[in-house]
C-alpha atoms as a PDB file:
ATOM      1  CA  MET A   1       0.000   0.000   0.000  1.00  0.00           C
ATOM      2  CA  SER A   2       1.433   3.375  -1.034  1.00  0.00           C
ATOM      3  CA  LYS A   3       2.244   5.904   1.640  1.00  0.00           C
ATOM      4  CA  ILE A   4       0.646   9.330   1.975  1.00  0.00           C
ATOM      5  CA  ASN A   5       3.123  12.148   1.380  1.00  0.00           C
ATOM      6  CA  ILE A   6       2.394  15.837   1.983  1.00  0.00           C
ATOM      7  CA  ALA A   7       4.832  18.350   0.452  1.00  0.00           C
ATOM      8  CA  ILE A   8       5.099  21.821   1.972  1.00  0.00           C
ATOM      9  CA  ASP A   9       7.402  24.235   0.153  1.00  0.00           C
ATOM     10  CA  GLY A  10       8.063  27.918   0.649  1.00  0.00           C
ATOM     11  CA  PRO A  11      10.638  30.630   1.294  1.00  0.00           C
ATOM     12  CA  ALA A  12      12.874  31.087   4.339  1.00  0.00           C
ATOM     13  CA  GLY A  13      11.056  32.023   7.530  1.00  0.00           C
ATOM     14  CA  ALA A  14       7.594  31.025   6.305  1.00  0.00           C
ATOM     15  CA  GLY A  15       7.201  28.725   9.296  1.00  0.00           C
ATOM     16  CA  LYS A  16       7.263  25.554   7.204  1.00  0.00           C
ATOM     17  CA  SER A  17       9.019  23.420   9.800  1.00  0.00           C
ATOM     18  CA  THR A  18       6.803  24.441  12.718  1.00  0.00           C
ATOM     19  CA  ILE A  19       3.616  24.044  10.705  1.00  0.00           C
ATOM     20  CA  ALA A  20       4.637  20.817   8.965  1.00  0.00           C
ATOM     21  CA  LYS A  21       5.551  19.339  12.340  1.00  0.00           C
ATOM     22  CA  ALA A  22       2.174  20.313  13.829  1.00  0.00           C
ATOM     23  CA  VAL A  23       0.233  18.952  10.852  1.00  0.00           C
ATOM     24  CA  ALA A  24       2.181  15.681  10.974  1.00  0.00           C
ATOM     25  CA  GLU A  25       1.423  15.338  14.676  1.00  0.00           C
ATOM     26  CA  ARG A  26      -2.291  15.866  14.101  1.00  0.00           C
ATOM     27  CA  ARG A  27      -2.304  13.250  11.382  1.00  0.00           C
ATOM     28  CA  GLY A  28      -0.065  10.765  13.113  1.00  0.00           C
ATOM     29  CA  PHE A  29       2.435  11.074  10.260  1.00  0.00           C
ATOM     30  CA  LEU A  30       6.207  11.205  10.345  1.00  0.00           C
ATOM     31  CA  TYR A  31       7.694  14.699   9.973  1.00  0.00           C
ATOM     32  CA  LEU A  32      10.829  15.094   7.860  1.00  0.00           C
ATOM     33  CA  ASP A  33      12.611  18.447   8.163  1.00  0.00           C
ATOM     34  CA  THR A  34      14.544  18.363   4.888  1.00  0.00           C
ATOM     35  CA  GLY A  35      16.117  21.749   5.569  1.00  0.00           C
ATOM     36  CA  ALA A  36      17.949  20.198   8.506  1.00  0.00           C
ATOM     37  CA  LEU A  37      19.752  17.912   6.081  1.00  0.00           C
ATOM     38  CA  TYR A  38      21.141  20.845   4.092  1.00  0.00           C
ATOM     39  CA  ARG A  39      21.995  22.654   7.300  1.00  0.00           C
ATOM     40  CA  THR A  40      23.982  19.626   8.432  1.00  0.00           C
ATOM     41  CA  ILE A  41      26.070  19.698   5.288  1.00  0.00           C
ATOM     42  CA  ALA A  42      26.494  23.455   5.734  1.00  0.00           C
ATOM     43  CA  LEU A  43      27.760  22.936   9.279  1.00  0.00           C
ATOM     44  CA  TYR A  44      30.373  20.471   8.045  1.00  0.00           C
ATOM     45  CA  VAL A  45      31.443  22.860   5.270  1.00  0.00           C
ATOM     46  CA  LEU A  46      31.844  25.669   7.796  1.00  0.00           C
ATOM     47  CA  ARG A  47      33.830  23.435  10.130  1.00  0.00           C
ATOM     48  CA  LYS A  48      36.150  22.644   7.242  1.00  0.00           C
ATOM     49  CA  ALA A  49      36.469  26.368   6.441  1.00  0.00           C
ATOM     50  CA  ALA A  50      35.462  25.680   2.839  1.00  0.00           C
ATOM     51  CA  ASP A  51      33.797  28.224   0.574  1.00  0.00           C
ATOM     52  CA  PRO A  52      30.126  27.092   0.358  1.00  0.00           C
ATOM     53  CA  LYS A  53      29.957  28.421  -3.210  1.00  0.00           C
ATOM     54  CA  ASP A  54      32.950  26.370  -4.340  1.00  0.00           C
ATOM     55  CA  ARG A  55      31.287  23.372  -5.987  1.00  0.00           C
ATOM     56  CA  VAL A  56      34.444  21.305  -6.309  1.00  0.00           C
ATOM     57  CA  LYS A  57      35.512  21.727  -2.681  1.00  0.00           C
ATOM     58  CA  VAL A  58      32.038  21.213  -1.214  1.00  0.00           C
ATOM     59  CA  GLU A  59      31.265  18.141  -3.297  1.00  0.00           C
ATOM     60  CA  ALA A  60      34.659  16.681  -2.368  1.00  0.00           C
ATOM     61  CA  LEU A  61      33.589  16.847   1.294  1.00  0.00           C
ATOM     62  CA  LEU A  62      30.397  14.861   0.758  1.00  0.00           C
ATOM     63  CA  SER A  63      32.201  11.523   0.916  1.00  0.00           C
ATOM     64  CA  GLU A  64      33.220  12.413   4.489  1.00  0.00           C
ATOM     65  CA  ILE A  65      29.654  13.047   5.604  1.00  0.00           C
ATOM     66  CA  LYS A  66      27.236  10.515   7.062  1.00  0.00           C
ATOM     67  CA  ILE A  67      23.829  11.830   8.061  1.00  0.00           C
ATOM     68  CA  ASP A  68      21.468   9.804  10.227  1.00  0.00           C
ATOM     69  CA  LEU A  69      17.990  10.715  11.404  1.00  0.00           C
ATOM     70  CA  GLU A  70      16.702   9.558  14.747  1.00  0.00           C
ATOM     71  CA  TYR A  71      13.229  10.144  16.124  1.00  0.00           C
ATOM     72  CA  ILE A  72      13.032  10.524  19.892  1.00  0.00           C
ATOM     73  CA  ASP A  73       9.502  10.981  21.272  1.00  0.00           C
ATOM     74  CA  GLY A  74       8.452  12.000  17.769  1.00  0.00           C
ATOM     75  CA  VAL A  75      11.132  14.693  17.498  1.00  0.00           C
ATOM     76  CA  GLN A  76      13.634  14.511  14.647  1.00  0.00           C
ATOM     77  CA  HIS A  77      17.282  14.528  15.677  1.00  0.00           C
ATOM     78  CA  VAL A  78      20.003  14.897  13.080  1.00  0.00           C
ATOM     79  CA  LYS A  79      23.347  13.205  13.501  1.00  0.00           C
ATOM     80  CA  LEU A  80      26.475  14.209  11.619  1.00  0.00           C
ATOM     81  CA  ASN A  81      28.999  11.394  11.655  1.00  0.00           C
ATOM     82  CA  GLY A  82      27.473  10.180  14.895  1.00  0.00           C
ATOM     83  CA  GLU A  83      27.222  13.612  16.589  1.00  0.00           C
ATOM     84  CA  ASP A  84      23.797  15.046  17.388  1.00  0.00           C
ATOM     85  CA  VAL A  85      23.898  18.475  15.721  1.00  0.00           C
ATOM     86  CA  SER A  86      20.185  19.276  15.968  1.00  0.00           C
ATOM     87  CA  GLU A  87      20.819  22.529  17.877  1.00  0.00           C
ATOM     88  CA  LEU A  88      24.115  23.489  16.211  1.00  0.00           C
ATOM     89  CA  ILE A  89      22.534  23.712  12.754  1.00  0.00           C
ATOM     90  CA  ARG A  90      20.081  26.468  13.770  1.00  0.00           C
ATOM     91  CA  THR A  91      22.442  29.458  13.782  1.00  0.00           C
ATOM     92  CA  PRO A  92      22.157  32.353  11.287  1.00  0.00           C
ATOM     93  CA  GLU A  93      25.605  31.508   9.917  1.00  0.00           C
ATOM     94  CA  VAL A  94      24.533  27.955   9.141  1.00  0.00           C
ATOM     95  CA  SER A  95      21.268  29.235   7.616  1.00  0.00           C
ATOM     96  CA  VAL A  96      23.086  31.394   5.085  1.00  0.00           C
ATOM     97  CA  CYS A  97      25.598  28.656   4.314  1.00  0.00           C
ATOM     98  CA  ALA A  98      22.777  26.132   3.852  1.00  0.00           C
ATOM     99  CA  SER A  99      21.164  28.360   1.250  1.00  0.00           C
ATOM    100  CA  GLU A 100      24.448  28.455  -0.661  1.00  0.00           C
ATOM    101  CA  VAL A 101      25.326  24.755  -0.533  1.00  0.00           C
ATOM    102  CA  SER A 102      21.756  23.786  -1.404  1.00  0.00           C
ATOM    103  CA  ALA A 103      22.254  25.476  -4.773  1.00  0.00           C
ATOM    104  CA  LEU A 104      24.877  22.860  -5.696  1.00  0.00           C
ATOM    105  CA  ALA A 105      23.614  19.961  -7.826  1.00  0.00           C
ATOM    106  CA  GLY A 106      25.950  17.483  -6.151  1.00  0.00           C
ATOM    107  CA  VAL A 107      24.621  18.313  -2.704  1.00  0.00           C
ATOM    108  CA  ARG A 108      20.997  17.967  -3.778  1.00  0.00           C
ATOM    109  CA  ALA A 109      21.698  14.629  -5.465  1.00  0.00           C
ATOM    110  CA  PHE A 110      23.510  13.436  -2.331  1.00  0.00           C
ATOM    111  CA  LEU A 111      20.378  14.012  -0.222  1.00  0.00           C
ATOM    112  CA  LEU A 112      17.697  13.109  -2.768  1.00  0.00           C
ATOM    113  CA  ASP A 113      17.750   9.342  -2.239  1.00  0.00           C
ATOM    114  CA  LEU A 114      17.651   9.735   1.558  1.00  0.00           C
ATOM    115  CA  GLN A 115      14.545  11.913   1.384  1.00  0.00           C
ATOM    116  CA  ARG A 116      12.758   9.670  -1.101  1.00  0.00           C
ATOM    117  CA  SER A 117      13.538   6.482   0.795  1.00  0.00           C
ATOM    118  CA  ILE A 118      12.051   7.890   4.014  1.00  0.00           C
ATOM    119  CA  ALA A 119       8.940   9.092   2.162  1.00  0.00           C
ATOM    120  CA  ALA A 120       8.491   5.674   0.545  1.00  0.00           C
ATOM    121  CA  GLU A 121       8.473   3.957   3.924  1.00  0.00           C
ATOM    122  CA  HIS A 122       6.228   6.304   5.925  1.00  0.00           C
ATOM    123  CA  ASP A 123       3.110   8.428   5.766  1.00  0.00           C
ATOM    124  CA  CYS A 124       4.900  11.733   6.185  1.00  0.00           C
ATOM    125  CA  VAL A 125       4.963  15.493   5.849  1.00  0.00           C
ATOM    126  CA  LEU A 126       8.075  16.954   4.232  1.00  0.00           C
ATOM    127  CA  ASP A 127       8.969  20.620   4.035  1.00  0.00           C
ATOM    128  CA  GLY A 128      11.618  22.386   2.005  1.00  0.00           C
ATOM    129  CA  ARG A 129      12.195  24.388  -1.172  1.00  0.00           C
ATOM    130  CA  ASP A 130      11.655  21.788  -3.889  1.00  0.00           C
ATOM    131  CA  ILE A 131       9.713  18.932  -2.322  1.00  0.00           C
ATOM    132  CA  GLY A 132       6.696  19.218  -4.611  1.00  0.00           C
ATOM    133  CA  THR A 133       8.694  20.095  -7.705  1.00  0.00           C
ATOM    134  CA  VAL A 134      11.694  17.737  -7.482  1.00  0.00           C
ATOM    135  CA  VAL A 135      11.869  15.456  -4.461  1.00  0.00           C
ATOM    136  CA  LEU A 136       8.286  14.169  -4.448  1.00  0.00           C
ATOM    137  CA  PRO A 137       6.585  15.345  -7.669  1.00  0.00           C
ATOM    138  CA  ASN A 138       3.859  12.731  -7.111  1.00  0.00           C
ATOM    139  CA  ALA A 139       3.015  13.754  -3.532  1.00  0.00           C
ATOM    140  CA  GLN A 140      -0.707  13.445  -2.872  1.00  0.00           C
ATOM    141  CA  LYS A 141      -0.940  17.029  -1.612  1.00  0.00           C
ATOM    142  CA  LYS A 142       1.337  19.968  -2.357  1.00  0.00           C
ATOM    143  CA  ILE A 143       1.241  23.253  -0.494  1.00  0.00           C
ATOM    144  CA  TYR A 144       3.264  26.411  -1.069  1.00  0.00           C
ATOM    145  CA  LEU A 145       3.428  28.323   2.211  1.00  0.00           C
ATOM    146  CA  THR A 146       4.484  31.936   2.026  1.00  0.00           C
ATOM    147  CA  ALA A 147       4.233  35.316   3.792  1.00  0.00           C
ATOM    148  CA  SER A 148       5.635  38.796   3.228  1.00  0.00           C
ATOM    149  CA  PRO A 149       9.412  39.164   3.791  1.00  0.00           C
ATOM    150  CA  GLU A 150       8.725  41.583   6.651  1.00  0.00           C
ATOM    151  CA  ALA A 151       6.372  39.170   8.409  1.00  0.00           C
ATOM    152  CA  ARG A 152       8.792  36.286   7.990  1.00  0.00           C
ATOM    153  CA  ALA A 153      11.699  38.343   9.279  1.00  0.00           C
ATOM    154  CA  MET A 154       9.729  39.510  12.319  1.00  0.00           C
ATOM    155  CA  ARG A 155       8.744  35.951  13.212  1.00  0.00           C
ATOM    156  CA  ARG A 156      12.319  34.766  12.942  1.00  0.00           C
ATOM    157  CA  TYR A 157      13.567  37.788  14.887  1.00  0.00           C
ATOM    158  CA  ASN A 158      11.119  37.085  17.725  1.00  0.00           C
ATOM    159  CA  GLU A 159      12.187  33.433  17.835  1.00  0.00           C
ATOM    160  CA  MET A 160      15.854  34.383  18.087  1.00  0.00           C
ATOM    161  CA  ILE A 161      15.218  37.017  20.767  1.00  0.00           C
ATOM    162  CA  ALA A 162      13.229  34.448  22.751  1.00  0.00           C
ATOM    163  CA  LYS A 163      16.288  32.200  22.655  1.00  0.00           C
ATOM    164  CA  GLY A 164      18.415  35.013  24.085  1.00  0.00           C
ATOM    165  CA  GLU A 165      20.284  35.758  20.872  1.00  0.00           C
ATOM    166  CA  ALA A 166      21.528  39.297  20.261  1.00  0.00           C
ATOM    167  CA  VAL A 167      20.160  40.198  16.829  1.00  0.00           C
ATOM    168  CA  GLU A 168      18.756  43.214  15.018  1.00  0.00           C
ATOM    169  CA  TYR A 169      15.526  43.023  13.026  1.00  0.00           C
ATOM    170  CA  ASN A 170      17.085  44.707   9.995  1.00  0.00           C
ATOM    171  CA  ASP A 171      19.847  42.111   9.921  1.00  0.00           C
ATOM    172  CA  VAL A 172      17.299  39.301  10.001  1.00  0.00           C
ATOM    173  CA  LEU A 173      15.279  40.951   7.218  1.00  0.00           C
ATOM    174  CA  ARG A 174      18.423  41.314   5.131  1.00  0.00           C
ATOM    175  CA  ASP A 175      19.169  37.609   5.567  1.00  0.00           C
ATOM    176  CA  VAL A 176      15.597  36.679   4.582  1.00  0.00           C
ATOM    177  CA  LEU A 177      15.774  38.803   1.424  1.00  0.00           C
ATOM    178  CA  TYR A 178      19.193  37.373   0.584  1.00  0.00           C
ATOM    179  CA  ARG A 179      17.918  33.821   0.909  1.00  0.00           C
ATOM    180  CA  ASP A 180      14.816  34.618  -1.158  1.00  0.00           C
ATOM    181  CA  GLN A 181      17.021  35.921  -3.963  1.00  0.00           C
ATOM    182  CA  ASN A 182      19.505  33.071  -3.684  1.00  0.00           C
ATOM    183  CA  ASP A 183      16.907  30.305  -3.458  1.00  0.00           C
ATOM    184  CA  SER A 184      14.657  31.555  -6.253  1.00  0.00           C
ATOM    185  CA  THR A 185      17.378  32.313  -8.809  1.00  0.00           C
ATOM    186  CA  ARG A 186      19.678  29.318  -8.439  1.00  0.00           C
ATOM    187  CA  ALA A 187      20.069  27.216 -11.554  1.00  0.00           C
ATOM    188  CA  ASN A 188      19.422  23.895  -9.835  1.00  0.00           C
ATOM    189  CA  ALA A 189      15.974  23.220  -8.335  1.00  0.00           C
ATOM    190  CA  PRO A 190      15.057  26.875  -7.655  1.00  0.00           C
ATOM    191  CA  LEU A 191      12.435  27.785  -5.084  1.00  0.00           C
ATOM    192  CA  LYS A 192       9.042  27.919  -6.787  1.00  0.00           C
ATOM    193  CA  SER A 193       5.528  26.704  -6.356  1.00  0.00           C
ATOM    194  CA  ALA A 194       4.613  23.443  -8.080  1.00  0.00           C
ATOM    195  CA  PRO A 195       1.910  24.000 -10.727  1.00  0.00           C
ATOM    196  CA  ASP A 196      -0.542  21.856  -8.759  1.00  0.00           C
ATOM    197  CA  ALA A 197       0.308  23.261  -5.311  1.00  0.00           C
ATOM    198  CA  VAL A 198      -2.190  25.217  -3.223  1.00  0.00           C
ATOM    199  CA  ILE A 199      -0.747  28.576  -2.149  1.00  0.00           C
ATOM    200  CA  VAL A 200      -1.262  29.573   1.479  1.00  0.00           C
ATOM    201  CA  ASP A 201      -0.274  33.121   2.473  1.00  0.00           C
ATOM    202  CA  SER A 202       0.113  33.317   6.241  1.00  0.00           C
ATOM    203  CA  THR A 203       1.055  37.011   6.454  1.00  0.00           C
ATOM    204  CA  LYS A 204      -2.149  37.864   8.324  1.00  0.00           C
ATOM    205  CA  LEU A 205      -2.756  34.470   9.908  1.00  0.00           C
ATOM    206  CA  THR A 206      -1.779  33.265  13.334  1.00  0.00           C
ATOM    207  CA  LEU A 207       0.207  30.073  13.681  1.00  0.00           C
ATOM    208  CA  GLU A 208      -2.886  28.112  14.723  1.00  0.00           C
ATOM    209  CA  GLU A 209      -4.946  29.543  11.855  1.00  0.00           C
ATOM    210  CA  THR A 210      -2.249  28.528   9.382  1.00  0.00           C
ATOM    211  CA  ILE A 211      -2.072  24.991  10.788  1.00  0.00           C
ATOM    212  CA  ASP A 212      -5.872  24.694  10.581  1.00  0.00           C
ATOM    213  CA  ALA A 213      -5.908  25.987   6.989  1.00  0.00           C
ATOM    214  CA  ILE A 214      -3.310  23.477   5.823  1.00  0.00           C
ATOM    215  CA  ASP A 215      -4.865  20.605   7.760  1.00  0.00           C
ATOM    216  CA  LYS A 216      -8.200  21.304   6.036  1.00  0.00           C
ATOM    217  CA  LEU A 217      -6.542  21.395   2.625  1.00  0.00           C
ATOM    218  CA  ILE A 218      -5.163  17.915   3.151  1.00  0.00           C
ATOM    219  CA  GLY A 219      -8.731  16.690   3.579  1.00  0.00           C
END
């Protein structure tokens, strides 16, 4: 029996991970945070002091990387060569680097089979930039979640402040705009809505309203 796969794509800071996780929990599905996979590669690239835009150097590092996913009480933990890096991959520096390495064809190919194999084995919700267009083009339901850059930056800013991080809103907004430009213009698997995706704009919606809207769309 085929598994049910829900693809949620959208730009940086749209709340995809939080919302996908909540929807998966409601449905009793597995949640796969695909962005965490790219962030893990980005962390390794940064640790190796490699230029994330240097295709040759980054792709040469891939053979040194082993990524494992572990689910503890329903929460996804990412392991890099045996080390749990779930918290380390959430810094602004890693975010920017992840956007850059994710533009490399070799990196995307490296992670494609892992994502597809998990989706083939579980009813799951996946979020990312190209889930509905590339990773799972036959997903039963595709959603493109977006919001204005200002709203996305403010949400991310509030999250970082709540964690005690010293950040400025304008810096967060600049990073969001940079990632929008980088993700949507890259040559390989650019950020875009799948033709058959339902667009959900959460600019004026609360988190709970957005979760309800997407849950209803799944049917």
